[in-house]
């Protein structure tokens, strides 16, 4: 990949981006490079991604680490946790740690689940339990997604742990992408997990407390307390028994496991294994919050490593870049970078959600008006996913195909020879607030072609936006959206535009 050095240097300075010699490059394990040969597989299929994780659990000898933004105790997660439990029986000394972000918006894997996992030797911790009233600090989420076994192989990418990400939901599924890697870079990935596990804003789950009946002499007060006690006890028991089901294998679990592994094995075994000798791992540092952002002399160099790593590659593009992201919300820095690329005759293409395919209506409320400012520029192309399953999608039953499908991949392809797969969205949250991570493979054109071919399949099933920011095929920009969703879309236009720095 050629570097137009002088112009790039000026833009680096203008955008405040660290150069390759700057201090963040020495922040191991948050930034690591390797020239040793690594094995890699690109996991485009959700059901194959689930099978890959199950196989990793089956071969674990020393340790398993899981770190996710969303970790829901639904059927797919039950399968994973039951597999871990069985492996723990076979390898009692197996160390298993699970780190879950405690965002009030999505958190559900509470201390009841943690209690039952602890009984079988699985440790759980939560990241950033700031309340919603801490308006700025609560924004600093751990958005990383990491699955590591024995420090030798790992998976990262867009997938959280939920049925939606493994092609198993009858309501909504994500077209996503992970990358499996085996090689020395995994050591850095595992060590970065250790740093998040030990971070000051990480906490151990509290022990669930059974409600206690309080006695009062006043009859009216006692009636109220009795009623509250009964309601709290019902909630306690519901949470207790829901958590208890997590590790208890049922007939439904066994049936789902057989179906998922049957199709997942076929899809996983179809994949090519690529060899990459130029590998980079980059992730943001833990502990970022409102206070550290105020007190840090240089917050972006101290915490925001991945953003800088991506920007280096963006500004060094020789001919073209492809962006595959569920959100395409530009910040002042990314606007400057995009203008720089287009002014220098680079091709920029992007694939993202339409209103019909997204579960984040507020994002579409900002994106649709803004994208019109760019579609008329030479060299810029945007494709929207429409909300249906992609042609050729295979699922364990036909009803799943009828669900709404959205894109959730976080992938960049630089020219035809470097690929980034990770957790970084093109939005302000990933740029300024969330902790993110990604793997880069440079120099393997076959791997890059694999990713580009898959993206092309997705764009062919989508719709291209013309110069006026509307679909080329003459369809409605808001197609495949119900009346209520459209109403919310229009109501959110003003508030979402004002608050887009948080989106």
Protein backbone atom coordinates (compact mmCIF):
# COMPACT_ATOMS: atom_id res chain seq x y z
CA UNK A 1 0.00 0.00 0.00
CA UNK A 2 1.58 3.27 -1.11
CA UNK A 3 1.85 6.27 1.19
CA UNK A 4 1.53 9.77 -0.23
CA UNK A 5 3.75 10.83 2.65
CA UNK A 6 3.85 14.62 2.64
CA UNK A 7 0.11 15.19 2.16
CA UNK A 8 -0.73 12.46 4.65
CA UNK A 9 1.56 14.01 7.23
CA UNK A 10 -0.24 17.34 6.92
CA UNK A 11 -3.60 15.64 7.38
CA UNK A 12 -2.28 13.65 10.34
CA UNK A 13 -1.36 16.93 12.00
CA UNK A 14 -4.64 18.59 11.04
CA UNK A 15 -6.76 15.76 12.44
CA UNK A 16 -4.67 15.28 15.55
CA UNK A 17 -3.84 11.67 14.62
CA UNK A 18 -0.77 10.05 16.13
CA UNK A 19 1.90 8.94 13.68
CA UNK A 20 3.45 5.49 13.63
CA UNK A 21 6.34 6.59 15.86
CA UNK A 22 4.16 8.04 18.61
CA UNK A 23 3.97 6.64 22.12
CA UNK A 24 0.72 4.67 21.75
CA UNK A 25 2.61 2.15 19.62
CA UNK A 26 4.43 0.97 22.74
CA UNK A 27 1.24 0.39 24.73
CA UNK A 28 1.37 -3.41 24.68
CA UNK A 29 -0.95 -5.31 24.98
CA UNK A 30 -3.36 -2.66 23.72
CA UNK A 31 -1.35 -2.34 20.52
CA UNK A 32 0.61 -5.27 19.13
CA UNK A 33 2.10 -6.25 15.77
CA UNK A 34 3.40 -9.61 14.62
CA UNK A 35 5.24 -10.78 11.52
CA UNK A 36 4.80 -14.44 12.45
CA UNK A 37 2.39 -16.66 10.55
CA UNK A 38 -1.17 -16.67 11.90
CA UNK A 39 -4.10 -18.84 10.88
CA UNK A 40 -7.35 -16.95 10.22
CA UNK A 41 -10.93 -17.74 9.24
CA UNK A 42 -13.57 -15.14 8.40
CA UNK A 43 -16.89 -16.07 9.99
CA UNK A 44 -19.61 -14.52 7.83
CA UNK A 45 -22.28 -17.01 8.95
CA UNK A 46 -23.86 -16.70 12.39
CA UNK A 47 -24.49 -20.42 12.79
CA UNK A 48 -20.86 -21.15 11.80
CA UNK A 49 -19.70 -18.57 14.37
CA UNK A 50 -21.62 -20.42 17.09
CA UNK A 51 -20.09 -23.73 16.04
CA UNK A 52 -16.60 -22.19 16.08
CA UNK A 53 -17.09 -21.15 19.71
CA UNK A 54 -18.43 -24.56 20.71
CA UNK A 55 -15.40 -26.26 19.15
CA UNK A 56 -13.05 -23.92 20.99
CA UNK A 57 -14.74 -24.80 24.29
CA UNK A 58 -14.38 -28.51 23.57
CA UNK A 59 -10.60 -28.19 23.14
CA UNK A 60 -9.92 -25.80 26.03
CA UNK A 61 -7.20 -27.04 28.37
CA UNK A 62 -6.24 -24.12 30.59
CA UNK A 63 -8.49 -21.08 30.19
CA UNK A 64 -11.53 -19.55 28.52
CA UNK A 65 -12.18 -15.80 28.49
CA UNK A 66 -15.35 -14.16 27.21
CA UNK A 67 -15.90 -10.41 27.05
CA UNK A 68 -19.08 -8.93 25.59
CA UNK A 69 -21.25 -5.83 25.48
CA UNK A 70 -24.43 -7.94 25.23
CA UNK A 71 -24.61 -11.30 27.00
CA UNK A 72 -28.17 -12.61 27.16
CA UNK A 73 -29.25 -15.86 28.77
CA UNK A 74 -31.18 -17.13 25.78
CA UNK A 75 -30.95 -20.53 24.01
CA UNK A 76 -27.63 -19.93 22.20
CA UNK A 77 -25.95 -18.73 25.40
CA UNK A 78 -27.39 -21.70 27.31
CA UNK A 79 -25.70 -23.98 24.77
CA UNK A 80 -22.38 -22.21 25.29
CA UNK A 81 -22.62 -22.20 29.08
CA UNK A 82 -23.65 -25.86 29.22
CA UNK A 83 -20.69 -26.71 26.99
CA UNK A 84 -18.38 -24.81 29.35
CA UNK A 85 -19.87 -26.64 32.33
CA UNK A 86 -19.19 -30.02 30.68
CA UNK A 87 -15.64 -29.02 29.81
CA UNK A 88 -15.09 -27.95 33.42
CA UNK A 89 -16.12 -31.43 34.51
CA UNK A 90 -13.49 -32.92 32.21
CA UNK A 91 -10.85 -30.31 33.12
CA UNK A 92 -11.53 -29.21 36.73
CA UNK A 93 -8.59 -26.78 36.66
CA UNK A 94 -9.93 -24.97 33.60
CA UNK A 95 -10.10 -21.26 34.41
CA UNK A 96 -13.21 -19.55 33.00
CA UNK A 97 -13.82 -15.80 33.23
CA UNK A 98 -16.69 -13.77 31.77
CA UNK A 99 -16.67 -9.96 31.61
CA UNK A 100 -19.94 -8.23 30.71
CA UNK A 101 -20.61 -4.55 30.20
CA UNK A 102 -23.23 -3.27 32.65
CA UNK A 103 -25.01 -0.84 30.36
CA UNK A 104 -28.48 -0.10 31.73
CA UNK A 105 -29.81 -0.14 28.17
CA UNK A 106 -28.95 -3.79 27.44
CA UNK A 107 -27.72 -5.48 30.63
CA UNK A 108 -29.68 -8.56 31.71
CA UNK A 109 -27.15 -11.16 32.88
CA UNK A 110 -27.56 -10.25 36.54
CA UNK A 111 -26.10 -11.57 39.81
CA UNK A 112 -28.52 -14.52 39.85
CA UNK A 113 -26.85 -15.93 36.73
CA UNK A 114 -23.43 -15.09 38.13
CA UNK A 115 -24.27 -17.00 41.32
CA UNK A 116 -25.11 -20.23 39.46
CA UNK A 117 -22.02 -19.94 37.28
CA UNK A 118 -19.86 -19.40 40.35
CA UNK A 119 -21.11 -22.72 41.74
CA UNK A 120 -19.49 -24.55 38.81
CA UNK A 121 -16.29 -22.49 38.93
CA UNK A 122 -17.07 -19.81 36.34
CA UNK A 123 -16.19 -16.26 37.37
CA UNK A 124 -18.26 -13.26 36.25
CA UNK A 125 -17.49 -9.55 36.51
CA UNK A 126 -19.25 -6.42 35.27
CA UNK A 127 -17.75 -3.36 33.60
CA UNK A 128 -18.82 0.23 34.40
CA UNK A 129 -21.91 0.11 36.58
CA UNK A 130 -22.41 3.89 36.38
CA UNK A 131 -26.06 4.89 36.75
CA UNK A 132 -28.00 6.57 33.96
CA UNK A 133 -27.92 9.78 36.01
CA UNK A 134 -24.14 9.99 35.46
CA UNK A 135 -24.93 11.32 32.01
CA UNK A 136 -21.40 11.41 30.62
CA UNK A 137 -19.62 8.62 32.51
CA UNK A 138 -22.38 6.14 31.67
CA UNK A 139 -21.56 6.63 27.96
CA UNK A 140 -18.12 5.02 28.31
CA UNK A 141 -19.14 1.43 27.57
CA UNK A 142 -17.01 -1.65 27.02
CA UNK A 143 -18.12 -2.51 23.49
CA UNK A 144 -15.37 -5.10 22.97
CA UNK A 145 -16.26 -8.64 21.88
CA UNK A 146 -13.70 -11.30 22.61
CA UNK A 147 -13.64 -15.08 22.97
CA UNK A 148 -10.23 -16.58 23.87
CA UNK A 149 -9.15 -20.14 24.62
CA UNK A 150 -5.81 -21.06 26.20
CA UNK A 151 -4.25 -17.83 24.96
CA UNK A 152 -3.72 -19.55 21.62
CA UNK A 153 -6.88 -18.91 19.59
CA UNK A 154 -9.48 -16.18 19.67
CA UNK A 155 -12.55 -14.74 17.98
CA UNK A 156 -13.39 -11.06 17.72
CA UNK A 157 -15.77 -9.12 15.52
CA UNK A 158 -19.25 -7.72 15.60
CA UNK A 159 -21.10 -10.54 17.34
CA UNK A 160 -22.34 -10.32 20.91
CA UNK A 161 -23.69 -13.40 22.66
CA UNK A 162 -27.39 -13.48 21.81
CA UNK A 163 -29.60 -15.49 19.44
CA UNK A 164 -29.78 -12.51 17.07
CA UNK A 165 -26.09 -12.90 16.20
CA UNK A 166 -26.18 -16.64 15.48
CA UNK A 167 -29.06 -16.78 12.97
CA UNK A 168 -31.42 -18.24 15.56
CA UNK A 169 -34.04 -15.55 16.20
CA UNK A 170 -37.56 -15.66 14.78
CA UNK A 171 -37.89 -11.89 15.24
CA UNK A 172 -34.66 -10.11 14.29
CA UNK A 173 -31.22 -11.32 13.13
CA UNK A 174 -27.93 -9.64 12.31
CA UNK A 175 -25.77 -10.20 9.25
CA UNK A 176 -22.48 -9.96 11.06
CA UNK A 177 -18.83 -10.90 10.74
CA UNK A 178 -16.21 -12.33 13.10
CA UNK A 179 -12.63 -13.38 12.56
CA UNK A 180 -11.00 -16.42 14.15
CA UNK A 181 -7.26 -16.23 14.71
CA UNK A 182 -4.58 -18.59 15.97
CA UNK A 183 -1.06 -17.34 16.64
CA UNK A 184 1.07 -15.19 18.91
CA UNK A 185 -1.13 -12.08 18.59
CA UNK A 186 -3.67 -13.91 20.74
CA UNK A 187 -1.34 -13.44 23.71
CA UNK A 188 -1.83 -9.68 23.45
CA UNK A 189 -5.59 -10.11 23.08
CA UNK A 190 -5.72 -12.25 26.23
CA UNK A 191 -3.54 -9.82 28.17
CA UNK A 192 -5.81 -6.94 27.17
CA UNK A 193 -8.69 -8.96 28.64
CA UNK A 194 -6.70 -9.21 31.89
CA UNK A 195 -6.41 -5.43 31.98
CA UNK A 196 -10.15 -4.96 31.58
CA UNK A 197 -10.83 -7.71 34.12
CA UNK A 198 -8.71 -5.87 36.68
CA UNK A 199 -9.82 -2.33 35.77
CA UNK A 200 -10.94 -0.01 38.53
CA UNK A 201 -14.45 0.33 37.10
CA UNK A 202 -14.92 -3.45 36.93
CA UNK A 203 -16.89 -4.99 39.79
CA UNK A 204 -17.75 -8.41 41.19
CA UNK A 205 -21.45 -9.34 41.23
CA UNK A 206 -23.17 -8.95 44.57
CA UNK A 207 -24.84 -11.95 46.18
CA UNK A 208 -28.63 -11.99 45.54
CA UNK A 209 -30.56 -11.37 48.75
CA UNK A 210 -33.86 -13.03 49.42
CA UNK A 211 -36.57 -10.49 50.39
CA UNK A 212 -37.22 -10.16 54.12
CA UNK A 213 -40.64 -9.45 55.62
CA UNK A 214 -40.56 -6.35 57.82
CA UNK A 215 -42.93 -6.23 60.80
CA UNK A 216 -44.80 -3.11 61.86
CA UNK A 217 -47.44 -2.54 64.58
CA UNK A 218 -49.51 -0.24 62.38
CA UNK A 219 -51.99 -2.40 60.47
CA UNK A 220 -52.10 -0.19 57.38
CA UNK A 221 -48.32 -0.07 57.14
CA UNK A 222 -48.13 -3.83 57.64
CA UNK A 223 -50.56 -4.49 54.82
CA UNK A 224 -48.42 -2.39 52.49
CA UNK A 225 -45.23 -4.14 53.65
CA UNK A 226 -46.85 -7.56 53.22
CA UNK A 227 -47.88 -6.66 49.69
CA UNK A 228 -44.39 -5.38 48.82
CA UNK A 229 -42.84 -8.50 50.31
CA UNK A 230 -45.02 -10.82 48.20
CA UNK A 231 -44.24 -8.86 45.02
CA UNK A 232 -40.50 -8.83 45.75
CA UNK A 233 -40.53 -12.53 46.57
CA UNK A 234 -42.22 -13.34 43.25
CA UNK A 235 -39.60 -11.30 41.40
CA UNK A 236 -36.81 -12.97 43.37
CA UNK A 237 -38.12 -16.46 42.60
CA UNK A 238 -38.62 -15.67 38.91
CA UNK A 239 -35.05 -14.43 38.59
CA UNK A 240 -33.73 -17.37 40.62
CA UNK A 241 -35.44 -20.04 38.52
CA UNK A 242 -34.63 -18.29 35.23
CA UNK A 243 -30.95 -18.32 36.20
CA UNK A 244 -31.13 -21.92 37.37
CA UNK A 245 -32.28 -22.97 33.88
CA UNK A 246 -29.07 -21.63 32.34
CA UNK A 247 -27.00 -24.69 33.18
CA UNK A 248 -29.76 -27.29 33.29
CA UNK A 249 -29.93 -29.04 29.94
CA UNK A 250 -33.48 -29.50 28.63
CA UNK A 251 -34.96 -31.45 25.74
CA UNK A 252 -35.36 -28.14 23.91
CA UNK A 253 -31.67 -27.38 24.42
CA UNK A 254 -30.64 -30.81 23.13
CA UNK A 255 -32.84 -30.43 20.06
CA UNK A 256 -31.50 -26.95 19.34
CA UNK A 257 -27.90 -28.11 19.85
CA UNK A 258 -28.33 -30.93 17.34
CA UNK A 259 -29.81 -28.61 14.72
CA UNK A 260 -27.33 -25.80 15.31
CA UNK A 261 -24.29 -28.06 15.24
CA UNK A 262 -25.55 -29.95 12.21
CA UNK A 263 -25.82 -26.83 10.05
CA UNK A 264 -23.02 -24.96 11.85
CA UNK A 265 -20.49 -27.74 11.19
CA UNK A 266 -21.30 -27.73 7.48
CA UNK A 267 -20.95 -23.95 7.22
CA UNK A 268 -17.77 -23.81 9.31
CA UNK A 269 -16.06 -26.65 7.45
CA UNK A 270 -16.69 -24.86 4.15
CA UNK A 271 -14.51 -21.94 5.22
CA UNK A 272 -10.97 -21.38 4.02
CA UNK A 273 -8.12 -21.03 6.50
CA UNK A 274 -5.81 -18.17 5.52
CA UNK A 275 -2.25 -17.49 6.59
CA UNK A 276 -1.40 -13.94 7.56
CA UNK A 277 2.15 -12.76 8.34
CA UNK A 278 1.42 -9.09 8.99
CA UNK A 279 -1.05 -8.92 11.87
CA UNK A 280 -1.98 -5.98 14.07
CA UNK A 281 -4.18 -5.99 17.16
CA UNK A 282 -5.41 -2.68 18.53
CA UNK A 283 -7.80 -1.83 21.33
CA UNK A 284 -8.69 1.13 23.49
CA UNK A 285 -7.62 1.24 27.12
CA UNK A 286 -10.02 0.50 29.99
CA UNK A 287 -11.08 3.06 32.57
CA UNK A 288 -12.13 5.89 30.28
CA UNK A 289 -14.84 8.06 31.82
CA UNK A 290 -15.86 11.70 32.12
CA UNK A 291 -13.27 12.41 34.81
CA UNK A 292 -10.34 10.83 32.98
CA UNK A 293 -11.31 12.66 29.81
CA UNK A 294 -11.20 15.98 31.68
CA UNK A 295 -8.00 15.24 33.59
CA UNK A 296 -5.97 13.58 30.84
CA UNK A 297 -3.44 15.85 29.14
CA UNK A 298 -3.95 13.98 25.90
CA UNK A 299 -6.99 11.74 26.16
CA UNK A 300 -6.87 10.40 22.61
CA UNK A 301 -3.25 9.18 22.93
CA UNK A 302 -3.90 7.82 26.43
CA UNK A 303 -7.08 5.86 25.72
CA UNK A 304 -8.21 5.97 22.06
CA UNK A 305 -5.67 3.70 20.36
CA UNK A 306 -7.92 1.93 17.87
CA UNK A 307 -9.33 5.15 16.39
CA UNK A 308 -5.80 6.33 15.63
CA UNK A 309 -4.78 2.96 14.20
CA UNK A 310 -7.75 3.03 11.82
CA UNK A 311 -7.14 6.64 10.80
CA UNK A 312 -3.54 5.86 9.88
CA UNK A 313 -4.72 3.26 7.43
CA UNK A 314 -7.55 5.41 6.07
CA UNK A 315 -5.15 8.22 5.24
CA UNK A 316 -2.70 5.80 3.61
CA UNK A 317 -5.25 4.30 1.20
CA UNK A 318 -3.82 4.02 -2.28
CA UNK A 319 -6.99 3.61 -4.33
CA UNK A 320 -10.09 2.61 -2.37
CA UNK A 321 -11.66 1.72 0.93
CA UNK A 322 -14.81 -0.26 1.69
CA UNK A 323 -16.71 0.38 4.92
CA UNK A 324 -19.13 -2.23 6.26
CA UNK A 325 -20.83 -0.74 9.32
CA UNK A 326 -24.36 -0.82 10.77
CA UNK A 327 -24.07 2.91 11.44
CA UNK A 328 -22.56 5.63 9.29
CA UNK A 329 -22.57 8.78 11.41
CA UNK A 330 -19.69 11.12 10.68
CA UNK A 331 -17.83 13.13 13.29
CA UNK A 332 -15.80 16.27 12.43
CA UNK A 333 -12.65 14.12 12.18
CA UNK A 334 -14.20 11.50 9.92
CA UNK A 335 -15.72 14.22 7.71
CA UNK A 336 -12.26 15.70 7.22
CA UNK A 337 -10.81 12.27 6.48
CA UNK A 338 -13.59 11.50 3.98
CA UNK A 339 -13.11 14.84 2.23
CA UNK A 340 -9.38 14.18 2.09
CA UNK A 341 -9.91 10.81 0.42
CA UNK A 342 -12.43 12.10 -2.11
CA UNK A 343 -10.40 15.23 -2.90
CA UNK A 344 -7.47 12.92 -3.68
CA UNK A 345 -9.60 10.80 -6.05
CA UNK A 346 -9.90 7.77 -3.78
CA UNK A 347 -12.94 5.50 -4.02
CA UNK A 348 -15.00 5.24 -0.83
CA UNK A 349 -17.83 2.71 -0.65
CA UNK A 350 -20.03 1.88 2.31
CA UNK A 351 -22.67 -0.67 3.22
CA UNK A 352 -25.02 0.14 6.08
CA UNK A 353 -28.57 -0.20 7.38
CA UNK A 354 -31.73 1.38 6.06
CA UNK A 355 -34.59 2.31 8.34
CA UNK A 356 -36.23 -0.96 7.31
CA UNK A 357 -33.33 -3.05 8.61
CA UNK A 358 -32.10 -1.20 11.68
CA UNK A 359 -33.17 -1.58 15.29
CA UNK A 360 -31.76 1.91 15.98
CA UNK A 361 -34.34 4.26 14.47
CA UNK A 362 -32.58 7.34 15.85
CA UNK A 363 -29.50 6.54 13.75
CA UNK A 364 -31.53 6.50 10.54
CA UNK A 365 -33.08 9.83 11.61
CA UNK A 366 -29.61 11.40 11.45
CA UNK A 367 -28.08 9.33 8.64
CA UNK A 368 -30.71 9.83 5.92
CA UNK A 369 -30.58 13.66 5.85
CA UNK A 370 -26.78 13.73 6.25
CA UNK A 371 -25.90 11.18 3.58
CA UNK A 372 -27.39 13.43 0.88
CA UNK A 373 -24.46 15.80 1.42
CA UNK A 374 -22.04 13.08 0.29
CA UNK A 375 -23.78 10.96 -2.35
CA UNK A 376 -23.30 13.65 -4.96
CA UNK A 377 -19.51 13.61 -4.54
CA UNK A 378 -17.42 11.76 -7.10
CA UNK A 379 -16.03 8.48 -5.80
CA UNK A 380 -18.51 8.02 -2.93
CA UNK A 381 -21.00 5.14 -3.01
CA UNK A 382 -23.45 3.96 -0.36
CA UNK A 383 -25.49 0.77 -0.32
CA UNK A 384 -28.34 0.09 2.10
CA UNK A 385 -29.49 -3.24 3.47
CA UNK A 386 -33.25 -3.56 3.11
CA UNK A 387 -34.14 -5.83 6.03
CA UNK A 388 -34.60 -9.27 4.47
CA UNK A 389 -32.43 -12.36 4.84
CA UNK A 390 -29.69 -12.45 2.21
CA UNK A 391 -30.21 -14.78 -0.77
CA UNK A 392 -28.74 -18.19 -0.02
CA UNK A 393 -28.98 -17.78 3.76
CA UNK A 394 -29.33 -21.17 5.44
CA UNK A 395 -31.07 -21.43 8.81
CA UNK A 396 -32.20 -24.27 11.07
CA UNK A 397 -35.84 -23.56 10.18
CA UNK A 398 -37.60 -21.56 7.50
CA UNK A 399 -39.39 -19.23 9.95
CA UNK A 400 -36.06 -17.64 10.92
CA UNK A 401 -35.59 -16.46 7.33
CA UNK A 402 -38.86 -14.53 7.58
CA UNK A 403 -37.52 -12.39 10.44
CA UNK A 404 -36.17 -8.87 9.94
CA UNK A 405 -32.43 -8.95 9.22
CA UNK A 406 -30.05 -6.04 9.75
CA UNK A 407 -26.36 -5.61 9.08
CA UNK A 408 -24.07 -5.47 12.11
CA UNK A 409 -20.58 -6.08 10.68
CA UNK A 410 -17.73 -3.79 11.63
CA UNK A 411 -15.28 -4.28 8.77
CA UNK A 412 -12.93 -2.13 6.73
CA UNK A 413 -11.08 -3.21 3.59
CA UNK A 414 -8.16 -1.01 2.54
CA UNK A 415 -7.41 -1.32 -1.18
CA UNK A 416 -7.34 -5.06 -1.91
CA UNK A 417 -4.79 -6.24 0.62
CA UNK A 418 -5.64 -5.23 4.20
CA UNK A 419 -8.73 -6.13 6.20
CA UNK A 420 -9.91 -4.97 9.60
CA UNK A 421 -12.54 -6.98 11.46
CA UNK A 422 -13.56 -5.76 14.89
CA UNK A 423 -16.11 -3.97 17.03
CA UNK A 424 -15.66 -0.38 15.78
CA UNK A 425 -18.73 1.30 14.28
CA UNK A 426 -18.50 4.44 12.16
CA UNK A 427 -20.14 6.66 14.75
CA UNK A 428 -19.33 8.99 17.61
CA UNK A 429 -19.82 6.31 20.27
CA UNK A 430 -17.01 4.16 18.88
CA UNK A 431 -14.79 7.16 18.18
CA UNK A 432 -15.09 8.94 21.52
CA UNK A 433 -16.75 6.80 24.18
CA UNK A 434 -16.82 3.02 23.76
CA UNK A 435 -13.81 0.80 24.28
CA UNK A 436 -13.33 -1.04 20.98
CA UNK A 437 -10.98 -3.64 19.51
CA UNK A 438 -10.00 -4.98 16.08
CA UNK A 439 -7.66 -7.31 14.21
CA UNK A 440 -5.90 -6.26 11.00
CA UNK A 441 -4.46 -8.64 8.41
CA UNK A 442 -2.24 -7.01 5.80
CA UNK A 443 -0.86 -8.58 2.66
CA UNK A 444 -3.19 -11.54 2.16
CA UNK A 445 -5.16 -10.70 -0.96
CA UNK A 446 -7.11 -13.97 -0.82
CA UNK A 447 -8.46 -13.14 2.65
CA UNK A 448 -9.31 -9.62 1.48
CA UNK A 449 -11.06 -11.09 -1.58
CA UNK A 450 -13.06 -13.41 0.69
CA UNK A 451 -14.36 -10.42 2.64
CA UNK A 452 -14.99 -8.27 -0.44
CA UNK A 453 -16.89 -11.09 -2.17
CA UNK A 454 -19.12 -11.47 0.87
CA UNK A 455 -19.72 -7.72 1.03
CA UNK A 456 -20.55 -7.72 -2.68
CA UNK A 457 -23.18 -10.43 -2.08
CA UNK A 458 -24.70 -8.19 0.56
CA UNK A 459 -24.64 -5.02 -1.54
CA UNK A 460 -26.14 -6.86 -4.52
CA UNK A 461 -29.11 -7.71 -2.30
CA UNK A 462 -29.37 -4.13 -1.09
CA UNK A 463 -30.00 -0.83 -2.81
CA UNK A 464 -27.57 1.81 -4.07
CA UNK A 465 -28.18 5.47 -3.23
CA UNK A 466 -28.07 7.90 -6.13
CA UNK A 467 -26.64 11.39 -6.13
CA UNK A 468 -29.82 12.75 -4.54
CA UNK A 469 -29.42 10.39 -1.57
CA UNK A 470 -32.40 8.28 -2.62
CA UNK A 471 -32.47 4.68 -3.93
CA UNK A 472 -31.44 4.30 -7.56
CA UNK A 473 -34.19 1.78 -8.17
CA UNK A 474 -36.90 4.36 -7.43
CA UNK A 475 -38.11 2.70 -4.23
CA UNK A 476 -38.89 4.62 -1.07
CA UNK A 477 -35.94 5.38 1.21
CA UNK A 478 -38.09 4.21 4.14
CA UNK A 479 -39.27 1.01 2.46
CA UNK A 480 -39.97 -2.08 4.60
CA UNK A 481 -40.76 0.11 7.62
CA UNK A 482 -44.12 0.03 9.37
CA UNK A 483 -46.22 3.13 10.00
CA UNK A 484 -45.27 3.31 13.66
CA UNK A 485 -41.56 3.00 12.90
CA UNK A 486 -41.82 5.80 10.32
CA UNK A 487 -43.64 8.00 12.82
CA UNK A 488 -40.88 7.48 15.41
CA UNK A 489 -38.29 8.16 12.70
CA UNK A 490 -39.80 11.58 11.93
CA UNK A 491 -40.33 12.45 15.61
CA UNK A 492 -36.67 11.70 16.39
CA UNK A 493 -35.14 13.79 13.61
CA UNK A 494 -34.75 16.91 15.73
CA UNK A 495 -33.66 15.33 19.05
CA UNK A 496 -31.34 12.85 17.29
CA UNK A 497 -29.64 15.62 15.31
CA UNK A 498 -29.04 17.61 18.52
CA UNK A 499 -27.73 14.56 20.41
CA UNK A 500 -25.78 12.96 17.57
CA UNK A 501 -22.51 13.52 19.46
CA UNK A 502 -23.75 10.73 21.77
CA UNK A 503 -24.86 8.39 18.97
